[in-house]
Amino acid sequence: MSIWGKVIGGVAGFAIGGPLGALIGAYAGHRVDQSKVVAEIGPAADRVNKQLAFTIAVIVLSAKMAKADGKVTRDEVDAFKSVFHIPPGETNKVGEIFDEARKDSGGFEPYAQQIADLFAREPAVLEELLGGLFHIAKADGQIHPAEMEYLRRVSTIFGFDAHGFERIRASFVDSAASDPYEILGVSKNDSDDAIKKAYRKLIHENHPDKLMAQGLPQEFIDLANEKMAAINGAYDAVKKQRGLH
């Protein structure tokens, strides 16, 4: 079963709990039984639960962002479906969950905080989630100021400072036109060795296999590959500017 099928089937509501699980529970038409939150234990179960949490967070935070500029465009909806590779047979159900989250009168903060707590030791996974939100925000050709502010606030809850947010933004929003130093999170005044070290650290942290082990579902792996391409492209540009080999 794909990760989307597991979410739609209500599995996540029982495996995760908290505001994310409660929303899925409401969608599934039953209350989340908190006693079952710890029913599945072990590394394999923990990884699946994290994958489910990541996927639900994508839906919920995307829906909440759609309210930021007051409208949901067809481009944004299409971007959501294409970026996250939702199987045709499950598109309508995912759309229903999206609408359930959008109608929820509560703010996005509790959902963002829950996912931040769950992936507190895997910040690269949180970066991928932010990357997905950037994809949706820019789908209509521009990122509305209200959407950018929303993304900035989510980023803060995720534990990224202003410098970190700008690095993530540069990686996912037209990386070819972004400052390569910004993508690498370094300064033009840094030494060659410092830049090489930063590059290697980013490659290690953002490798798709590592991210999957930390909770990134297979269905989202294109995000990780795009991030890797942006990092490699930025480093190549810096090497060319500095005459490095």
C-alpha atoms as a PDB file:
ATOM      1  CA  MET A   1       0.000   0.000   0.000  1.00  0.00           C
ATOM      2  CA  SER A   2       1.296   3.476  -0.864  1.00  0.00           C
ATOM      3  CA  ILE A   3       1.760   6.055   1.859  1.00  0.00           C
ATOM      4  CA  TRP A   4      -1.334   7.836   0.547  1.00  0.00           C
ATOM      5  CA  GLY A   5      -3.427   4.711   0.914  1.00  0.00           C
ATOM      6  CA  LYS A   6      -2.322   4.334   4.519  1.00  0.00           C
ATOM      7  CA  VAL A   7      -3.274   7.936   5.277  1.00  0.00           C
ATOM      8  CA  ILE A   8      -6.639   7.605   3.569  1.00  0.00           C
ATOM      9  CA  GLY A   9      -7.340   4.377   5.411  1.00  0.00           C
ATOM     10  CA  GLY A  10      -7.130   6.201   8.728  1.00  0.00           C
ATOM     11  CA  VAL A  11      -4.037   4.308   9.890  1.00  0.00           C
ATOM     12  CA  ALA A  12      -2.245   7.551  10.677  1.00  0.00           C
ATOM     13  CA  GLY A  13      -4.930   8.702  13.077  1.00  0.00           C
ATOM     14  CA  PHE A  14      -4.233   5.732  15.302  1.00  0.00           C
ATOM     15  CA  ALA A  15      -0.471   5.625  14.891  1.00  0.00           C
ATOM     16  CA  ILE A  16       0.346   9.274  15.521  1.00  0.00           C
ATOM     17  CA  GLY A  17      -2.176  11.001  17.752  1.00  0.00           C
ATOM     18  CA  GLY A  18      -1.961  14.716  18.503  1.00  0.00           C
ATOM     19  CA  PRO A  19      -3.548  17.373  16.265  1.00  0.00           C
ATOM     20  CA  LEU A  20      -2.410  15.634  13.057  1.00  0.00           C
ATOM     21  CA  GLY A  21      -3.905  12.306  14.116  1.00  0.00           C
ATOM     22  CA  ALA A  22      -7.069  13.970  15.414  1.00  0.00           C
ATOM     23  CA  LEU A  23      -7.696  15.627  12.061  1.00  0.00           C
ATOM     24  CA  ILE A  24      -7.369  12.308  10.260  1.00  0.00           C
ATOM     25  CA  GLY A  25      -9.602  10.770  12.904  1.00  0.00           C
ATOM     26  CA  ALA A  26     -12.235  13.419  12.220  1.00  0.00           C
ATOM     27  CA  TYR A  27     -11.957  12.743   8.504  1.00  0.00           C
ATOM     28  CA  ALA A  28     -12.312   9.005   9.059  1.00  0.00           C
ATOM     29  CA  GLY A  29     -15.404   9.622  11.147  1.00  0.00           C
ATOM     30  CA  HIS A  30     -14.163   8.334  14.473  1.00  0.00           C
ATOM     31  CA  ARG A  31     -12.291   9.574  17.517  1.00  0.00           C
ATOM     32  CA  VAL A  32      -8.591   8.862  17.816  1.00  0.00           C
ATOM     33  CA  ASP A  33      -8.018   6.305  20.553  1.00  0.00           C
ATOM     34  CA  GLN A  34      -4.968   7.691  22.329  1.00  0.00           C
ATOM     35  CA  SER A  35      -4.342   4.320  23.979  1.00  0.00           C
ATOM     36  CA  LYS A  36      -3.426   2.960  20.579  1.00  0.00           C
ATOM     37  CA  VAL A  37      -0.808   5.593  19.887  1.00  0.00           C
ATOM     38  CA  VAL A  38       1.858   3.405  21.479  1.00  0.00           C
ATOM     39  CA  ALA A  39       0.441   0.126  20.204  1.00  0.00           C
ATOM     40  CA  GLU A  40       3.087  -0.234  17.504  1.00  0.00           C
ATOM     41  CA  ILE A  41       6.689  -0.083  18.646  1.00  0.00           C
ATOM     42  CA  GLY A  42      10.099  -0.795  17.204  1.00  0.00           C
ATOM     43  CA  PRO A  43      12.299   0.874  14.559  1.00  0.00           C
ATOM     44  CA  ALA A  44      10.181  -0.253  11.593  1.00  0.00           C
ATOM     45  CA  ALA A  45       6.923   0.965  13.137  1.00  0.00           C
ATOM     46  CA  ASP A  46       8.565   4.235  14.168  1.00  0.00           C
ATOM     47  CA  ARG A  47       9.757   4.856  10.610  1.00  0.00           C
ATOM     48  CA  VAL A  48       6.300   4.161   9.153  1.00  0.00           C
ATOM     49  CA  ASN A  49       4.689   6.429  11.749  1.00  0.00           C
ATOM     50  CA  LYS A  50       7.116   9.213  10.842  1.00  0.00           C
ATOM     51  CA  GLN A  51       6.379   8.732   7.145  1.00  0.00           C
ATOM     52  CA  LEU A  52       2.669   8.968   7.863  1.00  0.00           C
ATOM     53  CA  ALA A  53       3.160  12.061  10.018  1.00  0.00           C
ATOM     54  CA  PHE A  54       5.246  13.718   7.291  1.00  0.00           C
ATOM     55  CA  THR A  55       2.576  12.998   4.683  1.00  0.00           C
ATOM     56  CA  ILE A  56      -0.301  14.263   6.809  1.00  0.00           C
ATOM     57  CA  ALA A  57       1.698  17.387   7.653  1.00  0.00           C
ATOM     58  CA  VAL A  58       2.197  18.059   3.940  1.00  0.00           C
ATOM     59  CA  ILE A  59      -1.554  17.917   3.399  1.00  0.00           C
ATOM     60  CA  VAL A  60      -2.493  19.971   6.450  1.00  0.00           C
ATOM     61  CA  LEU A  61       0.180  22.662   6.126  1.00  0.00           C
ATOM     62  CA  SER A  62      -0.488  22.959   2.384  1.00  0.00           C
ATOM     63  CA  ALA A  63      -4.183  23.441   3.106  1.00  0.00           C
ATOM     64  CA  LYS A  64      -3.464  26.029   5.775  1.00  0.00           C
ATOM     65  CA  MET A  65      -1.096  27.861   3.412  1.00  0.00           C
ATOM     66  CA  ALA A  66      -3.819  27.928   0.763  1.00  0.00           C
ATOM     67  CA  LYS A  67      -5.787  30.157   3.124  1.00  0.00           C
ATOM     68  CA  ALA A  68      -2.871  32.563   3.559  1.00  0.00           C
ATOM     69  CA  ASP A  69      -3.541  34.593   0.415  1.00  0.00           C
ATOM     70  CA  GLY A  70      -7.306  34.074   0.571  1.00  0.00           C
ATOM     71  CA  LYS A  71      -7.667  31.828  -2.448  1.00  0.00           C
ATOM     72  CA  VAL A  72      -6.767  28.407  -3.780  1.00  0.00           C
ATOM     73  CA  THR A  73      -5.763  28.375  -7.444  1.00  0.00           C
ATOM     74  CA  ARG A  74      -5.962  25.450  -9.845  1.00  0.00           C
ATOM     75  CA  ASP A  75      -2.189  25.767 -10.339  1.00  0.00           C
ATOM     76  CA  GLU A  76      -1.642  25.215  -6.627  1.00  0.00           C
ATOM     77  CA  VAL A  77      -3.923  22.190  -6.572  1.00  0.00           C
ATOM     78  CA  ASP A  78      -2.244  20.714  -9.660  1.00  0.00           C
ATOM     79  CA  ALA A  79       1.201  21.366  -8.138  1.00  0.00           C
ATOM     80  CA  PHE A  80       0.181  19.573  -4.976  1.00  0.00           C
ATOM     81  CA  LYS A  81      -0.955  16.535  -6.967  1.00  0.00           C
ATOM     82  CA  SER A  82       2.104  16.417  -9.231  1.00  0.00           C
ATOM     83  CA  VAL A  83       4.845  17.182  -6.705  1.00  0.00           C
ATOM     84  CA  PHE A  84       3.604  14.559  -4.295  1.00  0.00           C
ATOM     85  CA  HIS A  85       2.746  11.874  -6.871  1.00  0.00           C
ATOM     86  CA  ILE A  86      -0.731  11.024  -5.648  1.00  0.00           C
ATOM     87  CA  PRO A  87      -2.080   7.949  -7.502  1.00  0.00           C
ATOM     88  CA  PRO A  88      -5.144   8.788  -9.659  1.00  0.00           C
ATOM     89  CA  GLY A  89      -7.345   6.448  -7.656  1.00  0.00           C
ATOM     90  CA  GLU A  90      -6.542   8.275  -4.411  1.00  0.00           C
ATOM     91  CA  THR A  91      -6.623  11.881  -5.622  1.00  0.00           C
ATOM     92  CA  ASN A  92     -10.214  12.568  -4.585  1.00  0.00           C
ATOM     93  CA  LYS A  93      -9.732  11.179  -1.092  1.00  0.00           C
ATOM     94  CA  VAL A  94      -6.574  13.202  -0.529  1.00  0.00           C
ATOM     95  CA  GLY A  95      -8.517  16.229  -1.772  1.00  0.00           C
ATOM     96  CA  GLU A  96     -11.168  15.565   0.854  1.00  0.00           C
ATOM     97  CA  ILE A  97      -8.537  15.519   3.609  1.00  0.00           C
ATOM     98  CA  PHE A  98      -7.081  18.741   2.172  1.00  0.00           C
ATOM     99  CA  ASP A  99     -10.536  20.365   2.336  1.00  0.00           C
ATOM    100  CA  GLU A 100     -11.082  19.064   5.872  1.00  0.00           C
ATOM    101  CA  ALA A 101      -7.848  20.729   6.953  1.00  0.00           C
ATOM    102  CA  ARG A 102      -8.656  23.937   5.075  1.00  0.00           C
ATOM    103  CA  LYS A 103     -12.058  24.207   6.758  1.00  0.00           C
ATOM    104  CA  ASP A 104     -10.600  23.615  10.203  1.00  0.00           C
ATOM    105  CA  SER A 105     -10.940  26.902  12.073  1.00  0.00           C
ATOM    106  CA  GLY A 106      -7.752  26.327  14.062  1.00  0.00           C
ATOM    107  CA  GLY A 107      -4.403  27.802  13.160  1.00  0.00           C
ATOM    108  CA  PHE A 108      -1.476  25.958  11.602  1.00  0.00           C
ATOM    109  CA  GLU A 109       0.823  26.338  14.604  1.00  0.00           C
ATOM    110  CA  PRO A 110      -0.147  23.164  16.544  1.00  0.00           C
ATOM    111  CA  TYR A 111       0.343  21.025  13.422  1.00  0.00           C
ATOM    112  CA  ALA A 112       3.688  22.619  12.602  1.00  0.00           C
ATOM    113  CA  GLN A 113       4.820  22.212  16.203  1.00  0.00           C
ATOM    114  CA  GLN A 114       3.889  18.535  16.306  1.00  0.00           C
ATOM    115  CA  ILE A 115       5.876  17.757  13.163  1.00  0.00           C
ATOM    116  CA  ALA A 116       8.774  19.904  14.439  1.00  0.00           C
ATOM    117  CA  ASP A 117       8.861  17.894  17.662  1.00  0.00           C
ATOM    118  CA  LEU A 118       8.663  14.582  15.805  1.00  0.00           C
ATOM    119  CA  PHE A 119      11.582  15.441  13.500  1.00  0.00           C
ATOM    120  CA  ALA A 120      13.591  17.538  15.966  1.00  0.00           C
ATOM    121  CA  ARG A 121      16.652  15.375  15.276  1.00  0.00           C
ATOM    122  CA  GLU A 122      16.092  15.214  11.512  1.00  0.00           C
ATOM    123  CA  PRO A 123      16.073  18.874  10.351  1.00  0.00           C
ATOM    124  CA  ALA A 124      16.808  17.857   6.749  1.00  0.00           C
ATOM    125  CA  VAL A 125      13.395  16.141   6.639  1.00  0.00           C
ATOM    126  CA  LEU A 126      11.756  19.356   7.837  1.00  0.00           C
ATOM    127  CA  GLU A 127      13.604  21.175   5.037  1.00  0.00           C
ATOM    128  CA  GLU A 128      12.044  18.814   2.506  1.00  0.00           C
ATOM    129  CA  LEU A 129       8.589  19.556   3.893  1.00  0.00           C
ATOM    130  CA  LEU A 130       9.255  23.278   3.572  1.00  0.00           C
ATOM    131  CA  GLY A 131      10.501  22.632   0.051  1.00  0.00           C
ATOM    132  CA  GLY A 132       7.203  21.007  -0.850  1.00  0.00           C
ATOM    133  CA  LEU A 133       5.310  24.000   0.502  1.00  0.00           C
ATOM    134  CA  PHE A 134       7.508  26.339  -1.556  1.00  0.00           C
ATOM    135  CA  HIS A 135       6.660  24.311  -4.679  1.00  0.00           C
ATOM    136  CA  ILE A 136       2.958  24.785  -4.084  1.00  0.00           C
ATOM    137  CA  ALA A 137       3.269  28.461  -3.169  1.00  0.00           C
ATOM    138  CA  LYS A 138       5.135  29.293  -6.388  1.00  0.00           C
ATOM    139  CA  ALA A 139       2.883  27.180  -8.647  1.00  0.00           C
ATOM    140  CA  ASP A 140       0.836  30.158  -9.838  1.00  0.00           C
ATOM    141  CA  GLY A 141       3.975  32.007 -10.936  1.00  0.00           C
ATOM    142  CA  GLN A 142       4.670  33.986  -7.787  1.00  0.00           C
ATOM    143  CA  ILE A 143       4.793  33.581  -4.047  1.00  0.00           C
ATOM    144  CA  HIS A 144       2.270  35.902  -2.439  1.00  0.00           C
ATOM    145  CA  PRO A 145       3.681  37.989   0.441  1.00  0.00           C
ATOM    146  CA  ALA A 146       1.174  36.352   2.803  1.00  0.00           C
ATOM    147  CA  GLU A 147       2.385  32.920   1.683  1.00  0.00           C
ATOM    148  CA  MET A 148       6.018  33.915   2.202  1.00  0.00           C
ATOM    149  CA  GLU A 149       5.208  35.124   5.705  1.00  0.00           C
ATOM    150  CA  TYR A 150       3.390  31.850   6.389  1.00  0.00           C
ATOM    151  CA  LEU A 151       6.422  29.870   5.228  1.00  0.00           C
ATOM    152  CA  ARG A 152       8.696  32.019   7.363  1.00  0.00           C
ATOM    153  CA  ARG A 153       6.547  31.352  10.445  1.00  0.00           C
ATOM    154  CA  VAL A 154       6.455  27.601   9.770  1.00  0.00           C
ATOM    155  CA  SER A 155      10.226  27.685   9.331  1.00  0.00           C
ATOM    156  CA  THR A 156      10.637  29.383  12.709  1.00  0.00           C
ATOM    157  CA  ILE A 157       8.496  26.720  14.402  1.00  0.00           C
ATOM    158  CA  PHE A 158      10.663  24.096  12.691  1.00  0.00           C
ATOM    159  CA  GLY A 159      13.677  25.633  14.405  1.00  0.00           C
ATOM    160  CA  PHE A 160      15.358  27.437  11.503  1.00  0.00           C
ATOM    161  CA  ASP A 161      16.734  30.937  11.980  1.00  0.00           C
ATOM    162  CA  ALA A 162      16.509  33.708   9.377  1.00  0.00           C
ATOM    163  CA  HIS A 163      19.762  32.608   7.732  1.00  0.00           C
ATOM    164  CA  GLY A 164      18.534  29.021   7.517  1.00  0.00           C
ATOM    165  CA  PHE A 165      15.230  30.107   6.015  1.00  0.00           C
ATOM    166  CA  GLU A 166      16.958  32.085   3.272  1.00  0.00           C
ATOM    167  CA  ARG A 167      19.186  29.104   2.465  1.00  0.00           C
ATOM    168  CA  ILE A 168      16.146  26.829   2.146  1.00  0.00           C
ATOM    169  CA  ARG A 169      14.266  29.401   0.066  1.00  0.00           C
ATOM    170  CA  ALA A 170      17.207  29.770  -2.295  1.00  0.00           C
ATOM    171  CA  SER A 171      17.377  25.987  -2.740  1.00  0.00           C
ATOM    172  CA  PHE A 172      13.753  25.544  -3.733  1.00  0.00           C
ATOM    173  CA  VAL A 173      12.767  28.791  -5.445  1.00  0.00           C
ATOM    174  CA  ASP A 174      14.517  29.065  -8.828  1.00  0.00           C
ATOM    175  CA  SER A 175      17.828  27.743  -7.543  1.00  0.00           C
ATOM    176  CA  ALA A 176      19.491  28.446 -10.915  1.00  0.00           C
ATOM    177  CA  ALA A 177      18.990  32.174 -10.344  1.00  0.00           C
ATOM    178  CA  SER A 178      19.822  32.123  -6.623  1.00  0.00           C
ATOM    179  CA  ASP A 179      23.143  33.043  -5.078  1.00  0.00           C
ATOM    180  CA  PRO A 180      25.114  29.760  -4.928  1.00  0.00           C
ATOM    181  CA  TYR A 181      26.736  30.835  -1.661  1.00  0.00           C
ATOM    182  CA  GLU A 182      23.287  31.310  -0.155  1.00  0.00           C
ATOM    183  CA  ILE A 183      22.215  27.818  -1.215  1.00  0.00           C
ATOM    184  CA  LEU A 184      25.298  26.367   0.468  1.00  0.00           C
ATOM    185  CA  GLY A 185      24.716  28.463   3.571  1.00  0.00           C
ATOM    186  CA  VAL A 186      28.161  30.057   3.395  1.00  0.00           C
ATOM    187  CA  SER A 187      29.671  33.482   2.878  1.00  0.00           C
ATOM    188  CA  LYS A 188      31.724  34.698  -0.051  1.00  0.00           C
ATOM    189  CA  ASN A 189      34.405  35.520   2.505  1.00  0.00           C
ATOM    190  CA  ASP A 190      34.655  31.918   3.720  1.00  0.00           C
ATOM    191  CA  SER A 191      37.726  29.893   2.849  1.00  0.00           C
ATOM    192  CA  ASP A 192      37.744  27.200   0.185  1.00  0.00           C
ATOM    193  CA  ASP A 193      38.062  24.545   2.884  1.00  0.00           C
ATOM    194  CA  ALA A 194      35.093  25.936   4.835  1.00  0.00           C
ATOM    195  CA  ILE A 195      32.936  25.922   1.720  1.00  0.00           C
ATOM    196  CA  LYS A 196      33.987  22.399   0.812  1.00  0.00           C
ATOM    197  CA  LYS A 197      33.151  21.267   4.357  1.00  0.00           C
ATOM    198  CA  ALA A 198      29.713  22.929   4.212  1.00  0.00           C
ATOM    199  CA  TYR A 199      29.017  21.314   0.850  1.00  0.00           C
ATOM    200  CA  ARG A 200      29.954  17.833   2.066  1.00  0.00           C
ATOM    201  CA  LYS A 201      27.793  18.281   5.165  1.00  0.00           C
ATOM    202  CA  LEU A 202      24.776  19.260   3.056  1.00  0.00           C
ATOM    203  CA  ILE A 203      25.273  16.318   0.694  1.00  0.00           C
ATOM    204  CA  HIS A 204      25.491  13.931   3.628  1.00  0.00           C
ATOM    205  CA  GLU A 205      22.407  15.338   5.375  1.00  0.00           C
ATOM    206  CA  ASN A 206      20.268  15.524   2.229  1.00  0.00           C
ATOM    207  CA  HIS A 207      21.089  12.186   0.626  1.00  0.00           C
ATOM    208  CA  PRO A 208      17.755  10.543  -0.341  1.00  0.00           C
ATOM    209  CA  ASP A 209      18.619   7.234   1.338  1.00  0.00           C
ATOM    210  CA  LYS A 210      19.407   8.991   4.621  1.00  0.00           C
ATOM    211  CA  LEU A 211      16.210  11.030   4.444  1.00  0.00           C
ATOM    212  CA  MET A 212      14.107   7.946   3.798  1.00  0.00           C
ATOM    213  CA  ALA A 213      15.626   6.258   6.839  1.00  0.00           C
ATOM    214  CA  GLN A 214      14.649   9.335   8.865  1.00  0.00           C
ATOM    215  CA  GLY A 215      11.028   9.336   7.725  1.00  0.00           C
ATOM    216  CA  LEU A 216      10.786  10.826   4.229  1.00  0.00           C
ATOM    217  CA  PRO A 217       8.331   8.647   2.253  1.00  0.00           C
ATOM    218  CA  GLN A 218       9.355   7.185  -1.110  1.00  0.00           C
ATOM    219  CA  GLU A 219       6.603   9.212  -2.773  1.00  0.00           C
ATOM    220  CA  PHE A 220       8.481  12.424  -1.889  1.00  0.00           C
ATOM    221  CA  ILE A 221      11.928  11.398  -3.043  1.00  0.00           C
ATOM    222  CA  ASP A 222      11.880  13.750  -6.047  1.00  0.00           C
ATOM    223  CA  LEU A 223      12.043  16.639  -3.582  1.00  0.00           C
ATOM    224  CA  ALA A 224      15.251  15.236  -2.147  1.00  0.00           C
ATOM    225  CA  ASN A 225      16.731  14.714  -5.616  1.00  0.00           C
ATOM    226  CA  GLU A 226      15.887  18.291  -6.580  1.00  0.00           C
ATOM    227  CA  LYS A 227      17.512  19.588  -3.404  1.00  0.00           C
ATOM    228  CA  MET A 228      20.656  17.550  -4.128  1.00  0.00           C
ATOM    229  CA  ALA A 229      20.758  18.938  -7.663  1.00  0.00           C
ATOM    230  CA  ALA A 230      20.518  22.492  -6.322  1.00  0.00           C
ATOM    231  CA  ILE A 231      23.336  21.872  -3.830  1.00  0.00           C
ATOM    232  CA  ASN A 232      25.580  20.296  -6.485  1.00  0.00           C
ATOM    233  CA  GLY A 233      24.793  23.075  -8.937  1.00  0.00           C
ATOM    234  CA  ALA A 234      25.643  25.727  -6.370  1.00  0.00           C
ATOM    235  CA  TYR A 235      28.926  24.077  -5.480  1.00  0.00           C
ATOM    236  CA  ASP A 236      29.875  23.745  -9.150  1.00  0.00           C
ATOM    237  CA  ALA A 237      29.168  27.463  -9.621  1.00  0.00           C
ATOM    238  CA  VAL A 238      31.322  28.384  -6.610  1.00  0.00           C
ATOM    239  CA  LYS A 239      34.170  26.157  -7.799  1.00  0.00           C
ATOM    240  CA  LYS A 240      34.047  27.806 -11.216  1.00  0.00           C
ATOM    241  CA  GLN A 241      34.096  31.295  -9.687  1.00  0.00           C
ATOM    242  CA  ARG A 242      37.079  30.399  -7.490  1.00  0.00           C
ATOM    243  CA  GLY A 243      38.947  28.331 -10.046  1.00  0.00           C
ATOM    244  CA  LEU A 244      38.769  25.226  -7.905  1.00  0.00           C
ATOM    245  CA  HIS A 245      39.055  21.655  -9.128  1.00  0.00           C
END
